[in-house]
PDB file of N, CA and C in Angstrom:
ATOM      1  N   MET A   1       0.784  -5.922  -1.123  1.00  0.00           N
ATOM      2  CA  MET A   1      -0.069  -6.453  -2.173  1.00  0.00           C
ATOM      3  C   MET A   1       0.671  -6.438  -3.489  1.00  0.00           C
ATOM      4  N   SER A   2       0.507  -7.481  -4.236  1.00  0.00           N
ATOM      5  CA  SER A   2       1.165  -7.621  -5.523  1.00  0.00           C
ATOM      6  C   SER A   2       0.140  -7.394  -6.639  1.00  0.00           C
ATOM      7  N   TYR A   3       0.572  -6.714  -7.673  1.00  0.00           N
ATOM      8  CA  TYR A   3      -0.309  -6.411  -8.803  1.00  0.00           C
ATOM      9  C   TYR A   3       0.147  -7.185 -10.033  1.00  0.00           C
ATOM     10  N   PRO A   4      -0.775  -7.579 -10.905  1.00  0.00           N
ATOM     11  CA  PRO A   4      -0.393  -8.311 -12.120  1.00  0.00           C
ATOM     12  C   PRO A   4       0.467  -7.434 -13.030  1.00  0.00           C
ATOM     13  N   VAL A   5       1.533  -8.024 -13.547  1.00  0.00           N
ATOM     14  CA  VAL A   5       2.428  -7.329 -14.473  1.00  0.00           C
ATOM     15  C   VAL A   5       2.202  -7.901 -15.870  1.00  0.00           C
ATOM     16  N   ILE A   6       1.960  -7.019 -16.830  1.00  0.00           N
ATOM     17  CA  ILE A   6       1.688  -7.421 -18.209  1.00  0.00           C
ATOM     18  C   ILE A   6       2.740  -6.796 -19.119  1.00  0.00           C
ATOM     19  N   VAL A   7       3.323  -7.601 -20.001  1.00  0.00           N
ATOM     20  CA  VAL A   7       4.311  -7.107 -20.959  1.00  0.00           C
ATOM     21  C   VAL A   7       3.565  -6.578 -22.178  1.00  0.00           C
ATOM     22  N   VAL A   8       3.845  -5.311 -22.517  1.00  0.00           N
ATOM     23  CA  VAL A   8       3.210  -4.641 -23.659  1.00  0.00           C
ATOM     24  C   VAL A   8       4.334  -4.068 -24.520  1.00  0.00           C
ATOM     25  N   PRO A   9       4.792  -4.814 -25.533  1.00  0.00           N
ATOM     26  CA  PRO A   9       5.976  -4.406 -26.305  1.00  0.00           C
ATOM     27  C   PRO A   9       5.854  -3.053 -27.009  1.00  0.00           C
ATOM     28  N   PHE A  10       4.670  -2.626 -27.346  1.00  0.00           N
ATOM     29  CA  PHE A  10       4.509  -1.354 -28.067  1.00  0.00           C
ATOM     30  C   PHE A  10       4.396  -0.145 -27.139  1.00  0.00           C
ATOM     31  N   LEU A  11       4.562  -0.361 -25.851  1.00  0.00           N
ATOM     32  CA  LEU A  11       4.509   0.723 -24.871  1.00  0.00           C
ATOM     33  C   LEU A  11       5.650   1.704 -25.149  1.00  0.00           C
ATOM     34  N   ASN A  12       5.381   3.000 -25.031  1.00  0.00           N
ATOM     35  CA  ASN A  12       6.406   4.020 -25.306  1.00  0.00           C
ATOM     36  C   ASN A  12       7.277   4.346 -24.102  1.00  0.00           C
ATOM     37  N   VAL A  13       6.970   3.758 -22.960  1.00  0.00           N
ATOM     38  CA  VAL A  13       7.739   3.976 -21.731  1.00  0.00           C
ATOM     39  C   VAL A  13       8.097   2.622 -21.134  1.00  0.00           C
ATOM     40  N   SER A  14       9.024   2.611 -20.182  1.00  0.00           N
ATOM     41  CA  SER A  14       9.444   1.353 -19.557  1.00  0.00           C
ATOM     42  C   SER A  14       8.328   0.709 -18.753  1.00  0.00           C
ATOM     43  N   GLY A  15       7.548   1.546 -18.063  1.00  0.00           N
ATOM     44  CA  GLY A  15       6.476   1.013 -17.243  1.00  0.00           C
ATOM     45  C   GLY A  15       5.347   1.998 -17.090  1.00  0.00           C
ATOM     46  N   MET A  16       4.172   1.457 -16.746  1.00  0.00           N
ATOM     47  CA  MET A  16       2.991   2.297 -16.577  1.00  0.00           C
ATOM     48  C   MET A  16       2.026   1.590 -15.634  1.00  0.00           C
ATOM     49  N   ALA A  17       1.413   2.374 -14.766  1.00  0.00           N
ATOM     50  CA  ALA A  17       0.402   1.827 -13.865  1.00  0.00           C
ATOM     51  C   ALA A  17      -0.966   2.124 -14.455  1.00  0.00           C
ATOM     52  N   LEU A  18      -1.684   1.091 -14.787  1.00  0.00           N
ATOM     53  CA  LEU A  18      -3.050   1.214 -15.299  1.00  0.00           C
ATOM     54  C   LEU A  18      -3.902   0.316 -14.415  1.00  0.00           C
ATOM     55  N   PHE A  19      -4.470   0.921 -13.399  1.00  0.00           N
ATOM     56  CA  PHE A  19      -5.126   0.178 -12.327  1.00  0.00           C
ATOM     57  C   PHE A  19      -6.032  -0.920 -12.849  1.00  0.00           C
ATOM     58  N   PRO A  20      -5.863  -2.146 -12.365  1.00  0.00           N
ATOM     59  CA  PRO A  20      -4.992  -2.633 -11.303  1.00  0.00           C
ATOM     60  C   PRO A  20      -3.742  -3.346 -11.834  1.00  0.00           C
ATOM     61  N   PHE A  21      -3.284  -2.948 -13.005  1.00  0.00           N
ATOM     62  CA  PHE A  21      -2.169  -3.631 -13.655  1.00  0.00           C
ATOM     63  C   PHE A  21      -0.929  -2.744 -13.714  1.00  0.00           C
ATOM     64  N   ILE A  22       0.217  -3.420 -13.787  1.00  0.00           N
ATOM     65  CA  ILE A  22       1.473  -2.752 -14.102  1.00  0.00           C
ATOM     66  C   ILE A  22       1.845  -3.218 -15.496  1.00  0.00           C
ATOM     67  N   LEU A  23       1.983  -2.275 -16.413  1.00  0.00           N
ATOM     68  CA  LEU A  23       2.374  -2.589 -17.784  1.00  0.00           C
ATOM     69  C   LEU A  23       3.855  -2.287 -17.939  1.00  0.00           C
ATOM     70  N   VAL A  24       4.590  -3.211 -18.561  1.00  0.00           N
ATOM     71  CA  VAL A  24       6.018  -3.002 -18.818  1.00  0.00           C
ATOM     72  C   VAL A  24       6.302  -3.273 -20.282  1.00  0.00           C
ATOM     73  N   LYS A  25       7.324  -2.602 -20.796  1.00  0.00           N
ATOM     74  CA  LYS A  25       7.675  -2.738 -22.216  1.00  0.00           C
ATOM     75  C   LYS A  25       8.403  -4.057 -22.504  1.00  0.00           C
ATOM     76  N   TYR A  26       9.305  -4.424 -21.615  1.00  0.00           N
ATOM     77  CA  TYR A  26      10.120  -5.627 -21.831  1.00  0.00           C
ATOM     78  C   TYR A  26       9.880  -6.649 -20.722  1.00  0.00           C
ATOM     79  N   LYS A  27      10.010  -7.897 -21.053  1.00  0.00           N
ATOM     80  CA  LYS A  27       9.804  -8.967 -20.074  1.00  0.00           C
ATOM     81  C   LYS A  27      10.759  -8.824 -18.890  1.00  0.00           C
ATOM     82  N   ALA A  28      11.988  -8.421 -19.162  1.00  0.00           N
ATOM     83  CA  ALA A  28      12.979  -8.253 -18.088  1.00  0.00           C
ATOM     84  C   ALA A  28      12.548  -7.175 -17.091  1.00  0.00           C
ATOM     85  N   ASP A  29      11.796  -6.179 -17.556  1.00  0.00           N
ATOM     86  CA  ASP A  29      11.330  -5.113 -16.667  1.00  0.00           C
ATOM     87  C   ASP A  29      10.379  -5.625 -15.596  1.00  0.00           C
ATOM     88  N   ALA A  30       9.741  -6.745 -15.846  1.00  0.00           N
ATOM     89  CA  ALA A  30       8.817  -7.326 -14.869  1.00  0.00           C
ATOM     90  C   ALA A  30       9.553  -7.768 -13.610  1.00  0.00           C
ATOM     91  N   ASN A  31      10.870  -7.926 -13.705  1.00  0.00           N
ATOM     92  CA  ASN A  31      11.689  -8.340 -12.564  1.00  0.00           C
ATOM     93  C   ASN A  31      12.555  -7.209 -12.015  1.00  0.00           C
ATOM     94  N   ASP A  32      12.319  -5.990 -12.475  1.00  0.00           N
ATOM     95  CA  ASP A  32      13.079  -4.837 -12.008  1.00  0.00           C
ATOM     96  C   ASP A  32      12.379  -4.276 -10.767  1.00  0.00           C
ATOM     97  N   PRO A  33      12.951  -4.488  -9.573  1.00  0.00           N
ATOM     98  CA  PRO A  33      12.258  -4.081  -8.337  1.00  0.00           C
ATOM     99  C   PRO A  33      12.025  -2.576  -8.238  1.00  0.00           C
ATOM    100  N   VAL A  34      12.917  -1.779  -8.786  1.00  0.00           N
ATOM    101  CA  VAL A  34      12.762  -0.324  -8.711  1.00  0.00           C
ATOM    102  C   VAL A  34      11.584   0.116  -9.589  1.00  0.00           C
ATOM    103  N   LEU A  35      11.527  -0.386 -10.810  1.00  0.00           N
ATOM    104  CA  LEU A  35      10.427  -0.051 -11.720  1.00  0.00           C
ATOM    105  C   LEU A  35       9.090  -0.532 -11.152  1.00  0.00           C
ATOM    106  N   ILE A  36       9.052  -1.745 -10.663  1.00  0.00           N
ATOM    107  CA  ILE A  36       7.811  -2.298 -10.102  1.00  0.00           C
ATOM    108  C   ILE A  36       7.389  -1.505  -8.872  1.00  0.00           C
ATOM    109  N   ARG A  37       8.333  -1.117  -8.030  1.00  0.00           N
ATOM    110  CA  ARG A  37       8.007  -0.319  -6.847  1.00  0.00           C
ATOM    111  C   ARG A  37       7.457   1.046  -7.258  1.00  0.00           C
ATOM    112  N   HIS A  38       8.076   1.676  -8.248  1.00  0.00           N
ATOM    113  CA  HIS A  38       7.621   2.972  -8.744  1.00  0.00           C
ATOM    114  C   HIS A  38       6.162   2.871  -9.204  1.00  0.00           C
ATOM    115  N   GLU A  39       5.871   1.868 -10.006  1.00  0.00           N
ATOM    116  CA  GLU A  39       4.514   1.712 -10.524  1.00  0.00           C
ATOM    117  C   GLU A  39       3.535   1.297  -9.428  1.00  0.00           C
ATOM    118  N   THR A  40       4.000   0.525  -8.456  1.00  0.00           N
ATOM    119  CA  THR A  40       3.133   0.130  -7.338  1.00  0.00           C
ATOM    120  C   THR A  40       2.763   1.349  -6.500  1.00  0.00           C
ATOM    121  N   ILE A  41       3.685   2.286  -6.353  1.00  0.00           N
ATOM    122  CA  ILE A  41       3.366   3.526  -5.649  1.00  0.00           C
ATOM    123  C   ILE A  41       2.211   4.225  -6.361  1.00  0.00           C
ATOM    124  N   HIS A  42       2.263   4.258  -7.688  1.00  0.00           N
ATOM    125  CA  HIS A  42       1.160   4.866  -8.446  1.00  0.00           C
ATOM    126  C   HIS A  42      -0.154   4.115  -8.231  1.00  0.00           C
ATOM    127  N   LEU A  43      -0.094   2.804  -8.161  1.00  0.00           N
ATOM    128  CA  LEU A  43      -1.326   2.034  -7.941  1.00  0.00           C
ATOM    129  C   LEU A  43      -1.892   2.300  -6.546  1.00  0.00           C
ATOM    130  N   LYS A  44      -1.023   2.478  -5.574  1.00  0.00           N
ATOM    131  CA  LYS A  44      -1.484   2.847  -4.226  1.00  0.00           C
ATOM    132  C   LYS A  44      -2.145   4.229  -4.256  1.00  0.00           C
ATOM    133  N   GLN A  45      -1.530   5.164  -4.967  1.00  0.00           N
ATOM    134  CA  GLN A  45      -2.090   6.504  -5.097  1.00  0.00           C
ATOM    135  C   GLN A  45      -3.474   6.432  -5.741  1.00  0.00           C
ATOM    136  N   ALA A  46      -3.566   5.651  -6.810  1.00  0.00           N
ATOM    137  CA  ALA A  46      -4.844   5.512  -7.524  1.00  0.00           C
ATOM    138  C   ALA A  46      -5.917   4.919  -6.621  1.00  0.00           C
ATOM    139  N   ALA A  47      -5.563   3.902  -5.863  1.00  0.00           N
ATOM    140  CA  ALA A  47      -6.528   3.260  -4.962  1.00  0.00           C
ATOM    141  C   ALA A  47      -7.018   4.244  -3.902  1.00  0.00           C
ATOM    142  N   GLU A  48      -6.106   5.064  -3.380  1.00  0.00           N
ATOM    143  CA  GLU A  48      -6.478   6.047  -2.363  1.00  0.00           C
ATOM    144  C   GLU A  48      -7.469   7.078  -2.891  1.00  0.00           C
ATOM    145  N   LEU A  49      -7.351   7.376  -4.169  1.00  0.00           N
ATOM    146  CA  LEU A  49      -8.224   8.385  -4.785  1.00  0.00           C
ATOM    147  C   LEU A  49      -9.378   7.749  -5.566  1.00  0.00           C
ATOM    148  N   LEU A  50      -9.599   6.467  -5.350  1.00  0.00           N
ATOM    149  CA  LEU A  50     -10.700   5.739  -6.006  1.00  0.00           C
ATOM    150  C   LEU A  50     -10.573   5.702  -7.521  1.00  0.00           C
ATOM    151  N   VAL A  51      -9.373   5.564  -7.999  1.00  0.00           N
ATOM    152  CA  VAL A  51      -8.939   5.315  -9.370  1.00  0.00           C
ATOM    153  C   VAL A  51      -9.200   6.465 -10.346  1.00  0.00           C
ATOM    154  N   ILE A  52     -10.433   6.683 -10.759  1.00  0.00           N
ATOM    155  CA  ILE A  52     -10.707   7.694 -11.791  1.00  0.00           C
ATOM    156  C   ILE A  52     -10.231   9.092 -11.364  1.00  0.00           C
ATOM    157  N   PRO A  53     -10.525   9.547 -10.158  1.00  0.00           N
ATOM    158  CA  PRO A  53     -10.013  10.866  -9.759  1.00  0.00           C
ATOM    159  C   PRO A  53      -8.483  10.959  -9.795  1.00  0.00           C
ATOM    160  N   PHE A  54      -7.802   9.848  -9.550  1.00  0.00           N
ATOM    161  CA  PHE A  54      -6.338   9.856  -9.636  1.00  0.00           C
ATOM    162  C   PHE A  54      -5.895  10.217 -11.053  1.00  0.00           C
ATOM    163  N   TYR A  55      -6.468   9.554 -12.044  1.00  0.00           N
ATOM    164  CA  TYR A  55      -6.057   9.803 -13.431  1.00  0.00           C
ATOM    165  C   TYR A  55      -6.457  11.199 -13.887  1.00  0.00           C
ATOM    166  N   VAL A  56      -7.594  11.700 -13.410  1.00  0.00           N
ATOM    167  CA  VAL A  56      -8.010  13.064 -13.735  1.00  0.00           C
ATOM    168  C   VAL A  56      -7.030  14.059 -13.107  1.00  0.00           C
ATOM    169  N   MET A  57      -6.712  13.861 -11.834  1.00  0.00           N
ATOM    170  CA  MET A  57      -5.765  14.752 -11.152  1.00  0.00           C
ATOM    171  C   MET A  57      -4.385  14.689 -11.797  1.00  0.00           C
ATOM    172  N   TYR A  58      -3.963  13.496 -12.181  1.00  0.00           N
ATOM    173  CA  TYR A  58      -2.663  13.314 -12.821  1.00  0.00           C
ATOM    174  C   TYR A  58      -2.608  14.142 -14.107  1.00  0.00           C
ATOM    175  N   LEU A  59      -3.638  14.001 -14.931  1.00  0.00           N
ATOM    176  CA  LEU A  59      -3.683  14.725 -16.204  1.00  0.00           C
ATOM    177  C   LEU A  59      -3.742  16.234 -15.985  1.00  0.00           C
ATOM    178  N   LEU A  60      -4.593  16.684 -15.076  1.00  0.00           N
ATOM    179  CA  LEU A  60      -4.708  18.120 -14.816  1.00  0.00           C
ATOM    180  C   LEU A  60      -3.418  18.696 -14.266  1.00  0.00           C
ATOM    181  N   HIS A  61      -2.756  17.948 -13.403  1.00  0.00           N
ATOM    182  CA  HIS A  61      -1.488  18.429 -12.862  1.00  0.00           C
ATOM    183  C   HIS A  61      -0.429  18.498 -13.956  1.00  0.00           C
ATOM    184  N   TYR A  62      -0.425  17.515 -14.841  1.00  0.00           N
ATOM    185  CA  TYR A  62       0.514  17.538 -15.972  1.00  0.00           C
ATOM    186  C   TYR A  62       0.247  18.760 -16.860  1.00  0.00           C
ATOM    187  N   LEU A  63      -1.024  18.993 -17.200  1.00  0.00           N
ATOM    188  CA  LEU A  63      -1.364  20.125 -18.072  1.00  0.00           C
ATOM    189  C   LEU A  63      -1.003  21.459 -17.428  1.00  0.00           C
ATOM    190  N   TYR A  64      -1.259  21.581 -16.137  1.00  0.00           N
ATOM    191  CA  TYR A  64      -0.874  22.789 -15.419  1.00  0.00           C
ATOM    192  C   TYR A  64       0.645  22.974 -15.480  1.00  0.00           C
ATOM    193  N   ASN A  65       1.390  21.896 -15.224  1.00  0.00           N
ATOM    194  CA  ASN A  65       2.855  21.973 -15.259  1.00  0.00           C
ATOM    195  C   ASN A  65       3.362  22.278 -16.661  1.00  0.00           C
ATOM    196  N   LEU A  66       2.707  21.731 -17.667  1.00  0.00           N
ATOM    197  CA  LEU A  66       3.109  21.997 -19.048  1.00  0.00           C
ATOM    198  C   LEU A  66       2.937  23.478 -19.363  1.00  0.00           C
ATOM    199  N   TYR A  67       1.825  24.036 -18.924  1.00  0.00           N
ATOM    200  CA  TYR A  67       1.603  25.476 -19.101  1.00  0.00           C
ATOM    201  C   TYR A  67       2.649  26.274 -18.317  1.00  0.00           C
ATOM    202  N   ARG A  68       2.896  25.847 -17.092  1.00  0.00           N
ATOM    203  CA  ARG A  68       3.815  26.569 -16.209  1.00  0.00           C
ATOM    204  C   ARG A  68       5.261  26.523 -16.695  1.00  0.00           C
ATOM    205  N   TYR A  69       5.715  25.336 -17.092  1.00  0.00           N
ATOM    206  CA  TYR A  69       7.121  25.158 -17.469  1.00  0.00           C
ATOM    207  C   TYR A  69       7.357  25.180 -18.970  1.00  0.00           C
ATOM    208  N   GLY A  70       6.311  24.934 -19.772  1.00  0.00           N
ATOM    209  CA  GLY A  70       6.450  24.940 -21.223  1.00  0.00           C
ATOM    210  C   GLY A  70       7.332  23.824 -21.757  1.00  0.00           C
ATOM    211  N   ASN A  71       7.436  22.736 -20.986  1.00  0.00           N
ATOM    212  CA  ASN A  71       8.358  21.666 -21.343  1.00  0.00           C
ATOM    213  C   ASN A  71       7.787  20.341 -20.841  1.00  0.00           C
ATOM    214  N   HIS A  72       7.620  19.369 -21.739  1.00  0.00           N
ATOM    215  CA  HIS A  72       7.030  18.078 -21.374  1.00  0.00           C
ATOM    216  C   HIS A  72       7.799  17.390 -20.253  1.00  0.00           C
ATOM    217  N   ARG A  73       9.087  17.313 -20.402  1.00  0.00           N
ATOM    218  CA  ARG A  73       9.912  16.581 -19.433  1.00  0.00           C
ATOM    219  C   ARG A  73       9.785  17.173 -18.022  1.00  0.00           C
ATOM    220  N   GLN A  74       9.924  18.473 -17.921  1.00  0.00           N
ATOM    221  CA  GLN A  74       9.831  19.115 -16.611  1.00  0.00           C
ATOM    222  C   GLN A  74       8.403  19.015 -16.064  1.00  0.00           C
ATOM    223  N   ALA A  75       7.420  19.158 -16.940  1.00  0.00           N
ATOM    224  CA  ALA A  75       6.020  19.042 -16.505  1.00  0.00           C
ATOM    225  C   ALA A  75       5.755  17.658 -15.924  1.00  0.00           C
ATOM    226  N   TYR A  76       6.276  16.630 -16.579  1.00  0.00           N
ATOM    227  CA  TYR A  76       6.105  15.254 -16.110  1.00  0.00           C
ATOM    228  C   TYR A  76       6.760  15.046 -14.743  1.00  0.00           C
ATOM    229  N   TYR A  77       8.011  15.462 -14.611  1.00  0.00           N
ATOM    230  CA  TYR A  77       8.739  15.233 -13.361  1.00  0.00           C
ATOM    231  C   TYR A  77       8.194  16.059 -12.192  1.00  0.00           C
ATOM    232  N   GLN A  78       7.429  17.094 -12.465  1.00  0.00           N
ATOM    233  CA  GLN A  78       6.863  17.920 -11.407  1.00  0.00           C
ATOM    234  C   GLN A  78       5.462  17.498 -10.983  1.00  0.00           C
ATOM    235  N   ILE A  79       4.897  16.477 -11.621  1.00  0.00           N
ATOM    236  CA  ILE A  79       3.599  15.953 -11.190  1.00  0.00           C
ATOM    237  C   ILE A  79       3.792  15.410  -9.775  1.00  0.00           C
ATOM    238  N   ILE A  80       2.915  15.789  -8.863  1.00  0.00           N
ATOM    239  CA  ILE A  80       3.095  15.384  -7.463  1.00  0.00           C
ATOM    240  C   ILE A  80       3.176  13.875  -7.302  1.00  0.00           C
ATOM    241  N   PHE A  81       2.431  13.139  -8.082  1.00  0.00           N
ATOM    242  CA  PHE A  81       2.439  11.687  -7.980  1.00  0.00           C
ATOM    243  C   PHE A  81       3.786  11.115  -8.443  1.00  0.00           C
ATOM    244  N   GLU A  82       4.359  11.714  -9.474  1.00  0.00           N
ATOM    245  CA  GLU A  82       5.677  11.275  -9.951  1.00  0.00           C
ATOM    246  C   GLU A  82       6.768  11.656  -8.947  1.00  0.00           C
ATOM    247  N   ARG A  83       6.625  12.802  -8.323  1.00  0.00           N
ATOM    248  CA  ARG A  83       7.635  13.223  -7.344  1.00  0.00           C
ATOM    249  C   ARG A  83       7.718  12.223  -6.196  1.00  0.00           C
ATOM    250  N   GLU A  84       6.562  11.781  -5.708  1.00  0.00           N
ATOM    251  CA  GLU A  84       6.580  10.776  -4.640  1.00  0.00           C
ATOM    252  C   GLU A  84       7.197   9.472  -5.136  1.00  0.00           C
ATOM    253  N   ALA A  85       6.776   9.026  -6.306  1.00  0.00           N
ATOM    254  CA  ALA A  85       7.246   7.737  -6.827  1.00  0.00           C
ATOM    255  C   ALA A  85       8.755   7.757  -7.081  1.00  0.00           C
ATOM    256  N   TYR A  86       9.264   8.804  -7.730  1.00  0.00           N
ATOM    257  CA  TYR A  86      10.702   8.862  -8.004  1.00  0.00           C
ATOM    258  C   TYR A  86      11.514   9.004  -6.727  1.00  0.00           C
ATOM    259  N   ARG A  87      11.018   9.777  -5.781  1.00  0.00           N
ATOM    260  CA  ARG A  87      11.767   9.986  -4.543  1.00  0.00           C
ATOM    261  C   ARG A  87      11.900   8.691  -3.738  1.00  0.00           C
ATOM    262  N   ASN A  88      10.943   7.774  -3.871  1.00  0.00           N
ATOM    263  CA  ASN A  88      10.916   6.597  -3.014  1.00  0.00           C
ATOM    264  C   ASN A  88      11.073   5.261  -3.728  1.00  0.00           C
ATOM    265  N   GLU A  89      11.302   5.277  -5.015  1.00  0.00           N
ATOM    266  CA  GLU A  89      11.373   4.023  -5.760  1.00  0.00           C
ATOM    267  C   GLU A  89      12.553   3.138  -5.363  1.00  0.00           C
ATOM    268  N   ASN A  90      13.588   3.703  -4.799  1.00  0.00           N
ATOM    269  CA  ASN A  90      14.763   2.917  -4.399  1.00  0.00           C
ATOM    270  C   ASN A  90      14.701   2.404  -2.963  1.00  0.00           C
ATOM    271  N   ASP A  91      13.666   2.785  -2.248  1.00  0.00           N
ATOM    272  CA  ASP A  91      13.510   2.385  -0.850  1.00  0.00           C
ATOM    273  C   ASP A  91      12.637   1.138  -0.768  1.00  0.00           C
ATOM    274  N   ALA A  92      13.267  -0.003  -0.552  1.00  0.00           N
ATOM    275  CA  ALA A  92      12.541  -1.287  -0.533  1.00  0.00           C
ATOM    276  C   ALA A  92      11.485  -1.346   0.564  1.00  0.00           C
ATOM    277  N   ALA A  93      11.637  -0.554   1.607  1.00  0.00           N
ATOM    278  CA  ALA A  93      10.682  -0.576   2.724  1.00  0.00           C
ATOM    279  C   ALA A  93       9.577   0.466   2.573  1.00  0.00           C
ATOM    280  N   TYR A  94       9.659   1.302   1.557  1.00  0.00           N
ATOM    281  CA  TYR A  94       8.736   2.431   1.450  1.00  0.00           C
ATOM    282  C   TYR A  94       7.261   2.030   1.435  1.00  0.00           C
ATOM    283  N   LEU A  95       6.912   1.046   0.665  1.00  0.00           N
ATOM    284  CA  LEU A  95       5.494   0.674   0.551  1.00  0.00           C
ATOM    285  C   LEU A  95       4.922   0.182   1.882  1.00  0.00           C
ATOM    286  N   ASN A  96       5.773  -0.351   2.743  1.00  0.00           N
ATOM    287  CA  ASN A  96       5.309  -0.810   4.058  1.00  0.00           C
ATOM    288  C   ASN A  96       5.136   0.335   5.048  1.00  0.00           C
ATOM    289  N   LYS A  97       5.892   1.402   4.863  1.00  0.00           N
ATOM    290  CA  LYS A  97       5.831   2.521   5.810  1.00  0.00           C
ATOM    291  C   LYS A  97       5.115   3.746   5.242  1.00  0.00           C
ATOM    292  N   ARG A  98       4.696   3.674   4.005  1.00  0.00           N
ATOM    293  CA  ARG A  98       4.051   4.808   3.334  1.00  0.00           C
ATOM    294  C   ARG A  98       2.757   5.204   4.045  1.00  0.00           C
ATOM    295  N   ARG A  99       2.610   6.504   4.260  1.00  0.00           N
ATOM    296  CA  ARG A  99       1.397   7.025   4.888  1.00  0.00           C
ATOM    297  C   ARG A  99       0.302   7.226   3.847  1.00  0.00           C
ATOM    298  N   PHE A 100      -0.939   7.149   4.306  1.00  0.00           N
ATOM    299  CA  PHE A 100      -2.090   7.378   3.448  1.00  0.00           C
ATOM    300  C   PHE A 100      -2.013   8.791   2.859  1.00  0.00           C
ATOM    301  N   TRP A 101      -2.251   8.911   1.574  1.00  0.00           N
ATOM    302  CA  TRP A 101      -2.192  10.172   0.829  1.00  0.00           C
ATOM    303  C   TRP A 101      -0.827  10.850   0.968  1.00  0.00           C
ATOM    304  N   ALA A 102       0.226  10.066   0.985  1.00  0.00           N
ATOM    305  CA  ALA A 102       1.587  10.610   1.135  1.00  0.00           C
ATOM    306  C   ALA A 102       1.938  11.571   0.005  1.00  0.00           C
ATOM    307  N   TRP A 103       1.327  11.423  -1.147  1.00  0.00           N
ATOM    308  CA  TRP A 103       1.591  12.296  -2.293  1.00  0.00           C
ATOM    309  C   TRP A 103       1.310  13.768  -1.965  1.00  0.00           C
ATOM    310  N   ARG A 104       0.475  14.039  -0.966  1.00  0.00           N
ATOM    311  CA  ARG A 104       0.140  15.427  -0.604  1.00  0.00           C
ATOM    312  C   ARG A 104       1.367  16.231  -0.216  1.00  0.00           C
ATOM    313  N   PHE A 105       2.395  15.553   0.251  1.00  0.00           N
ATOM    314  CA  PHE A 105       3.591  16.242   0.740  1.00  0.00           C
ATOM    315  C   PHE A 105       4.603  16.533  -0.366  1.00  0.00           C
ATOM    316  N   TYR A 106       4.241  16.252  -1.610  1.00  0.00           N
ATOM    317  CA  TYR A 106       5.157  16.480  -2.716  1.00  0.00           C
ATOM    318  C   TYR A 106       4.621  17.566  -3.635  1.00  0.00           C
TER     319      TYR A 106
END
């Protein structure tokens, strides 16, 4: 499944999944398969958790990690949803073989 990609120049990051859209900072990013795959993994995660619970869990996991590590960067990279997305963003076949709730294993 393909999701609409919207260019948002004032975005502070290269890409963001805001269900059901993928937001990118630059027009060229809309054609970056790794970035789009990373964000699509997040959209799959959100759909599995019925959207709102995904964003709540994402935020709570980030806050827990921030408390645990005391560092934004490490807290972000340790979010289970980010761990799955970063680990598999380079695998072009991942979205076809991804198991339901695969984020649980990260």
